[in-house]
Amino acid sequence: MKKNTYCCPQKECNHTVLNEVDNELRCGNGHSYMYASGTTIPIFAKADDNINEYTVNDAVEMHDNALNWLFATFNEKEHHLRTRMVNRLQLKKGDTVLVTGAGACNDLPFIVNSLNGSGEIYAQDISEQMLLVGAKRYQENSVSSEIKVFFSVSDATSLPFSDEFFDAAYHFGGINLFDDIELGISEMSRVVKCGGKIVIGDEGLAPWLQKTDIGKMLIQNNALYAFTPPLQFLPRNAQEVKLTWELSNSFYCIEFIVGAEPVVNLDIKHVGLRGGSIRTRYLGQLEGINPELKDKIYAEAAARGISRVDFLESLLYNSLGE
């Protein structure tokens, strides 16, 4: 593990850098994290054993079976799909990439290929069973010694990384099952640099398929196909947002750039009868008054040739003696 890479995910620690002490990772506030037995893979948080299909001993085997069914059902070659998904990241040589919900780590070879011989990948999953087997598989089959890959058992909604650490982040399959999807996307956005790319994909039929016979059958077979793309959970600094679908329009794919905060001047006054600005119209609303009185005020403002806001403000200031 690269020194000073991981940070404490506890809220009160504000992503304090962890140090290795006595074969553990520790922060100054006393939180410590052990490595999975016989590995250098730190465990920051993990799901309880045997609570779902991802946390049983044969989780990866079950996952493999599900993938075989998936690609056969949609008549798709796995390497074609994963290549298209990873290509959306537009990675450059030397980039540092986060993979959340990495599971059996099937996407890692495709990300490695996109880095053109130089870079780092950090793969995490909250299922210890999935992540450890996935890491072992990758390490046994890795063809690139130039790309460094680090694994952690951790919570994607509380990532053990500092702000703006990554050039890109990737998630394919699983975000629909997050306890807090908004927080998961927020964490990915937090740890990616301004200008970096995020790609997210999971089950979710395109709207025009949801009420068709095939759509209804897919949803009856697996309720996750009824999910809609979680666009409402994107951060307000998301830019160049793209929404597409894969696997016969049954898996949504969201990609966006982590940009700067929106720049909107809320104080430019409108020209016209109403007047006011975006800010005053939103924050300066008054209690209801008699409709006849309101009409008289509007008529008087028009007669004086000023906006309603300017006239109302002048009346109020005069009543306050200002």
Protein backbone atom coordinates (compact mmCIF):
# COMPACT_ATOMS: atom_id res chain seq x y z
CA MET A 1 0.00 0.00 0.00
CA LYS A 2 1.21 3.47 -0.83
CA LYS A 3 2.00 5.46 2.28
CA ASN A 4 -0.65 7.92 3.44
CA THR A 5 -3.19 6.86 0.84
CA TYR A 6 -6.13 5.95 3.07
CA CYS A 7 -8.00 8.29 5.38
CA CYS A 8 -10.20 7.63 8.38
CA PRO A 9 -13.84 7.34 7.21
CA GLN A 10 -15.30 8.31 10.60
CA LYS A 11 -17.21 11.60 10.33
CA GLU A 12 -15.54 13.22 13.32
CA CYS A 13 -12.09 12.64 11.82
CA ASN A 14 -12.72 14.68 8.67
CA HIS A 15 -10.67 12.28 6.53
CA THR A 16 -7.56 12.33 8.70
CA VAL A 17 -4.69 10.47 7.05
CA LEU A 18 -4.10 6.99 8.46
CA ASN A 19 -0.71 5.62 9.43
CA GLU A 20 0.39 2.02 9.63
CA VAL A 21 1.14 0.97 13.21
CA ASP A 22 1.62 -2.65 14.35
CA ASN A 23 0.15 -3.99 11.11
CA GLU A 24 -2.97 -1.81 11.42
CA LEU A 25 -4.07 1.49 9.99
CA ARG A 26 -4.66 4.06 12.71
CA CYS A 27 -5.70 7.70 12.96
CA GLY A 28 -4.83 10.21 15.66
CA ASN A 29 -8.28 9.87 17.22
CA GLY A 30 -7.82 6.22 18.07
CA HIS A 31 -9.70 4.53 15.22
CA SER A 32 -7.92 1.47 13.87
CA TYR A 33 -8.48 -0.81 10.89
CA MET A 34 -7.06 -4.27 10.43
CA TYR A 35 -6.13 -6.09 7.24
CA ALA A 36 -8.11 -9.08 6.04
CA SER A 37 -6.41 -12.26 7.23
CA GLY A 38 -3.36 -13.13 5.14
CA THR A 39 -3.65 -10.03 2.94
CA THR A 40 -2.72 -6.37 2.73
CA ILE A 41 -6.37 -5.45 2.11
CA PRO A 42 -7.68 -3.11 4.82
CA ILE A 43 -11.17 -3.55 6.22
CA PHE A 44 -12.85 -0.22 7.00
CA ALA A 45 -16.45 -1.47 7.05
CA LYS A 46 -18.10 -4.65 5.89
CA ALA A 47 -21.57 -6.09 5.49
CA ASP A 48 -22.67 -8.74 7.94
CA ASP A 49 -22.17 -12.30 6.79
CA ASN A 50 -25.05 -14.20 5.16
CA ILE A 51 -27.45 -11.27 4.86
CA ASN A 52 -27.79 -11.53 1.08
CA GLU A 53 -26.36 -13.32 -1.94
CA TYR A 54 -23.28 -11.10 -1.90
CA THR A 55 -22.21 -12.00 1.64
CA VAL A 56 -22.22 -15.80 1.55
CA ASN A 57 -19.17 -17.98 1.06
CA ASP A 58 -20.00 -18.82 -2.56
CA ALA A 59 -21.02 -15.25 -3.45
CA VAL A 60 -18.66 -14.97 -6.42
CA GLU A 61 -19.84 -18.27 -7.89
CA MET A 62 -23.45 -17.09 -7.62
CA HIS A 63 -22.44 -13.79 -9.20
CA ASP A 64 -20.73 -15.61 -12.08
CA ASN A 65 -23.88 -17.61 -12.73
CA ALA A 66 -25.97 -14.42 -12.74
CA LEU A 67 -23.60 -12.77 -15.22
CA ASN A 68 -23.68 -15.78 -17.54
CA TRP A 69 -27.48 -15.58 -17.54
CA LEU A 70 -27.40 -11.81 -18.08
CA PHE A 71 -25.17 -11.81 -21.14
CA ALA A 72 -26.88 -14.82 -22.68
CA THR A 73 -30.32 -13.27 -22.12
CA PHE A 74 -29.40 -9.98 -23.76
CA ASN A 75 -27.24 -11.61 -26.46
CA GLU A 76 -24.23 -9.49 -25.51
CA LYS A 77 -20.52 -10.25 -25.27
CA GLU A 78 -19.28 -9.33 -21.82
CA HIS A 79 -16.00 -7.86 -23.02
CA HIS A 80 -17.84 -5.65 -25.53
CA LEU A 81 -20.11 -4.19 -22.85
CA ARG A 82 -17.38 -3.65 -20.27
CA THR A 83 -15.16 -2.04 -22.88
CA ARG A 84 -17.92 0.41 -23.85
CA MET A 85 -18.64 1.21 -20.21
CA VAL A 86 -15.00 1.85 -19.31
CA ASN A 87 -14.40 3.87 -22.48
CA ARG A 88 -16.95 6.38 -21.16
CA LEU A 89 -14.40 7.31 -18.46
CA GLN A 90 -12.03 8.68 -21.13
CA LEU A 91 -9.03 7.70 -19.03
CA LYS A 92 -5.52 8.98 -19.66
CA LYS A 93 -2.17 7.40 -19.01
CA GLY A 94 -1.21 7.91 -15.37
CA ASP A 95 -4.74 8.48 -14.04
CA THR A 96 -5.83 7.36 -10.59
CA VAL A 97 -9.22 5.62 -10.73
CA LEU A 98 -11.76 4.61 -8.08
CA VAL A 99 -14.04 1.60 -8.62
CA THR A 100 -16.89 1.38 -6.14
CA GLY A 101 -18.90 -1.80 -5.70
CA ALA A 102 -16.09 -3.65 -7.48
CA GLY A 103 -17.48 -7.05 -6.49
CA ALA A 104 -15.56 -9.81 -8.30
CA CYS A 105 -13.41 -7.13 -9.97
CA ASN A 106 -14.46 -8.07 -13.51
CA ASP A 107 -14.02 -4.51 -14.77
CA LEU A 108 -10.43 -4.10 -13.59
CA PRO A 109 -8.67 -5.61 -16.66
CA PHE A 110 -10.62 -3.23 -18.91
CA ILE A 111 -9.66 -0.23 -16.78
CA VAL A 112 -6.04 -1.40 -16.78
CA ASN A 113 -6.08 -1.48 -20.59
CA SER A 114 -7.45 2.07 -20.69
CA LEU A 115 -4.57 3.43 -18.60
CA ASN A 116 -2.00 2.66 -21.29
CA GLY A 117 0.66 1.26 -19.00
CA SER A 118 0.65 3.76 -16.15
CA GLY A 119 -1.76 4.61 -13.34
CA GLU A 120 -3.43 3.40 -10.17
CA ILE A 121 -6.76 1.74 -9.43
CA TYR A 122 -8.51 1.59 -6.05
CA ALA A 123 -11.25 -1.05 -5.92
CA GLN A 124 -13.65 -1.28 -3.00
CA ASP A 125 -16.69 -3.29 -1.98
CA ILE A 126 -18.59 -3.69 1.27
CA SER A 127 -18.81 -7.47 0.79
CA GLU A 128 -15.64 -9.07 2.15
CA GLN A 129 -16.54 -12.34 0.45
CA MET A 130 -16.81 -10.73 -2.99
CA LEU A 131 -13.87 -8.37 -2.71
CA LEU A 132 -11.31 -10.86 -1.41
CA VAL A 133 -12.08 -13.43 -4.10
CA GLY A 134 -12.17 -10.71 -6.74
CA ALA A 135 -8.80 -9.37 -5.62
CA LYS A 136 -7.29 -12.85 -5.69
CA ARG A 137 -8.63 -13.46 -9.17
CA TYR A 138 -7.22 -10.21 -10.44
CA GLN A 139 -3.82 -10.77 -8.87
CA GLU A 140 -3.59 -14.30 -10.30
CA ASN A 141 -4.52 -13.17 -13.81
CA SER A 142 -2.95 -9.73 -13.95
CA VAL A 143 -0.93 -9.07 -17.08
CA SER A 144 0.30 -5.61 -16.12
CA SER A 145 2.82 -4.95 -13.39
CA GLU A 146 2.93 -1.24 -14.22
CA ILE A 147 -0.64 -0.53 -13.07
CA LYS A 148 -0.91 -0.56 -9.29
CA VAL A 149 -4.21 -1.87 -7.92
CA PHE A 150 -5.24 -1.43 -4.29
CA PHE A 151 -8.23 -3.14 -2.70
CA SER A 152 -10.28 -2.30 0.38
CA VAL A 153 -13.35 -3.66 2.11
CA SER A 154 -15.22 -0.45 2.77
CA ASP A 155 -18.51 1.41 2.55
CA ALA A 156 -19.06 3.32 -0.70
CA THR A 157 -21.18 5.84 1.22
CA SER A 158 -18.24 6.61 3.55
CA LEU A 159 -15.10 6.30 1.47
CA PRO A 160 -11.65 6.21 3.14
CA PHE A 161 -10.13 8.82 0.83
CA SER A 162 -9.43 12.53 0.93
CA ASP A 163 -11.27 15.06 -1.19
CA GLU A 164 -10.32 15.26 -4.88
CA PHE A 165 -7.98 12.27 -4.73
CA PHE A 166 -9.05 10.59 -7.98
CA ASP A 167 -9.07 11.51 -11.64
CA ALA A 168 -12.17 9.38 -12.28
CA ALA A 169 -14.64 7.08 -10.56
CA TYR A 170 -16.59 4.12 -11.90
CA HIS A 171 -19.49 1.99 -10.72
CA PHE A 172 -21.26 -0.70 -12.70
CA GLY A 173 -23.90 -2.84 -11.04
CA GLY A 174 -25.03 -2.51 -7.45
CA ILE A 175 -25.83 1.13 -6.77
CA ASN A 176 -29.55 0.34 -6.89
CA LEU A 177 -28.99 -1.68 -3.70
CA PHE A 178 -27.24 1.09 -1.76
CA ASP A 179 -29.01 2.08 1.45
CA ASP A 180 -28.42 5.70 0.44
CA ILE A 181 -27.91 6.15 -3.30
CA GLU A 182 -27.59 9.92 -3.00
CA LEU A 183 -24.80 9.60 -0.45
CA GLY A 184 -23.03 7.03 -2.61
CA ILE A 185 -22.99 9.41 -5.57
CA SER A 186 -22.04 12.31 -3.32
CA GLU A 187 -19.02 10.40 -2.01
CA MET A 188 -17.85 9.54 -5.51
CA SER A 189 -18.15 13.22 -6.41
CA ARG A 190 -16.30 14.30 -3.28
CA VAL A 191 -13.21 12.20 -3.97
CA VAL A 192 -12.96 13.03 -7.71
CA LYS A 193 -11.03 16.10 -8.82
CA CYS A 194 -12.75 19.00 -10.50
CA GLY A 195 -12.82 18.12 -14.18
CA GLY A 196 -12.80 14.39 -13.46
CA LYS A 197 -15.30 11.91 -14.93
CA ILE A 198 -17.79 9.69 -13.10
CA VAL A 199 -19.63 6.80 -14.77
CA ILE A 200 -22.48 4.93 -13.04
CA GLY A 201 -24.56 2.07 -14.41
CA ASP A 202 -27.11 -0.44 -13.13
CA GLU A 203 -30.41 -2.16 -13.93
CA GLY A 204 -33.15 0.19 -15.05
CA LEU A 205 -35.38 -0.04 -18.10
CA ALA A 206 -35.64 2.89 -20.45
CA PRO A 207 -39.00 4.65 -19.92
CA TRP A 208 -40.39 3.60 -23.29
CA LEU A 209 -39.95 -0.09 -22.37
CA GLN A 210 -41.36 -0.14 -18.86
CA LYS A 211 -44.99 -0.76 -19.86
CA THR A 212 -44.29 -3.08 -22.76
CA ASP A 213 -44.74 -6.83 -22.44
CA ILE A 214 -41.02 -7.45 -22.39
CA GLY A 215 -40.54 -4.68 -19.82
CA LYS A 216 -43.22 -6.09 -17.55
CA MET A 217 -41.69 -9.56 -17.80
CA LEU A 218 -38.21 -8.27 -16.95
CA ILE A 219 -39.53 -6.37 -13.94
CA GLN A 220 -41.51 -9.39 -12.76
CA ASN A 221 -38.37 -11.48 -13.07
CA ASN A 222 -36.20 -8.91 -11.26
CA ALA A 223 -37.73 -5.84 -9.61
CA LEU A 224 -34.48 -3.91 -10.06
CA TYR A 225 -35.38 -3.34 -13.72
CA ALA A 226 -38.09 -0.98 -12.52
CA PHE A 227 -35.46 1.43 -11.15
CA THR A 228 -35.16 4.80 -12.83
CA PRO A 229 -31.80 6.52 -13.36
CA PRO A 230 -31.04 8.44 -10.12
CA LEU A 231 -30.46 11.76 -11.86
CA GLN A 232 -32.09 13.58 -8.95
CA PHE A 233 -29.15 12.55 -6.77
CA LEU A 234 -26.40 14.03 -8.92
CA PRO A 235 -24.42 16.80 -7.22
CA ARG A 236 -25.29 20.36 -8.16
CA ASN A 237 -21.83 20.77 -9.69
CA ALA A 238 -22.41 17.93 -12.18
CA GLN A 239 -21.68 19.07 -15.73
CA GLU A 240 -21.93 17.54 -19.22
CA VAL A 241 -24.41 14.96 -17.93
CA LYS A 242 -25.23 12.12 -20.31
CA LEU A 243 -27.84 9.41 -19.89
CA THR A 244 -27.76 6.34 -22.11
CA TRP A 245 -28.81 2.71 -21.87
CA GLU A 246 -27.07 -0.59 -22.48
CA LEU A 247 -28.16 -4.24 -22.79
CA SER A 248 -31.19 -3.69 -25.00
CA ASN A 249 -32.04 -0.49 -23.10
CA SER A 250 -32.34 -2.40 -19.80
CA PHE A 251 -29.34 -0.91 -17.93
CA TYR A 252 -29.03 2.84 -17.49
CA CYS A 253 -25.68 4.58 -17.69
CA ILE A 254 -25.06 8.04 -16.25
CA GLU A 255 -21.85 9.91 -16.93
CA PHE A 256 -20.89 13.39 -15.81
CA ILE A 257 -17.98 15.70 -15.15
CA VAL A 258 -17.33 16.96 -11.64
CA GLY A 259 -17.36 20.67 -12.28
CA ALA A 260 -17.52 23.95 -10.45
CA GLU A 261 -20.59 25.16 -8.58
CA PRO A 262 -23.26 26.76 -10.81
CA VAL A 263 -22.69 30.47 -11.37
CA VAL A 264 -25.99 32.34 -11.20
CA ASN A 265 -26.35 36.00 -10.35
CA LEU A 266 -29.48 36.00 -8.20
CA ASP A 267 -29.59 39.78 -7.80
CA ILE A 268 -30.09 41.07 -11.34
CA LYS A 269 -33.36 43.02 -11.26
CA HIS A 270 -36.09 42.21 -13.76
CA VAL A 271 -37.37 44.99 -15.99
CA GLY A 272 -41.14 45.09 -16.18
CA LEU A 273 -44.33 45.32 -14.13
CA ARG A 274 -43.35 42.82 -11.48
CA GLY A 275 -39.72 43.84 -10.90
CA GLY A 276 -37.52 42.32 -8.24
CA SER A 277 -34.73 39.75 -8.65
CA ILE A 278 -34.58 35.97 -8.42
CA ARG A 279 -33.46 36.30 -4.80
CA THR A 280 -36.10 38.81 -3.70
CA ARG A 281 -38.89 36.96 -5.50
CA TYR A 282 -37.92 33.77 -3.67
CA LEU A 283 -36.97 35.08 -0.23
CA GLY A 284 -39.03 38.28 -0.03
CA GLN A 285 -42.58 36.98 -0.25
CA LEU A 286 -45.05 38.68 2.13
CA GLU A 287 -48.18 37.44 3.86
CA GLY A 288 -51.45 37.48 1.92
CA ILE A 289 -53.42 40.74 1.72
CA ASN A 290 -56.92 41.70 0.62
CA PRO A 291 -57.17 41.02 -3.16
CA GLU A 292 -58.84 44.36 -3.79
CA LEU A 293 -55.99 46.15 -1.99
CA LYS A 294 -53.45 44.20 -4.02
CA ASP A 295 -55.14 45.29 -7.26
CA LYS A 296 -55.09 48.92 -6.11
CA ILE A 297 -51.37 48.68 -5.28
CA TYR A 298 -50.59 47.15 -8.68
CA ALA A 299 -52.64 49.83 -10.43
CA GLU A 300 -50.91 52.63 -8.52
CA ALA A 301 -47.46 51.18 -9.34
CA ALA A 302 -48.40 51.12 -13.02
CA ALA A 303 -49.70 54.68 -12.85
CA ARG A 304 -46.39 55.83 -11.34
CA GLY A 305 -44.41 53.94 -13.97
CA ILE A 306 -42.43 51.81 -11.51
CA SER A 307 -42.38 48.10 -10.84
CA ARG A 308 -44.62 46.53 -8.25
CA VAL A 309 -41.61 45.48 -6.16
CA ASP A 310 -40.12 48.98 -6.15
CA PHE A 311 -43.48 50.50 -5.18
CA LEU A 312 -44.10 47.98 -2.39
CA GLU A 313 -40.59 48.42 -1.02
CA SER A 314 -40.97 52.22 -1.01
CA LEU A 315 -44.28 51.93 0.89
CA LEU A 316 -42.75 49.57 3.44
CA TYR A 317 -39.61 51.65 3.95
CA ASN A 318 -41.73 54.81 4.40
CA SER A 319 -43.95 53.05 6.97
CA LEU A 320 -40.80 52.11 8.91
CA GLY A 321 -39.50 55.66 8.73
CA GLU A 322 -36.50 54.68 6.67
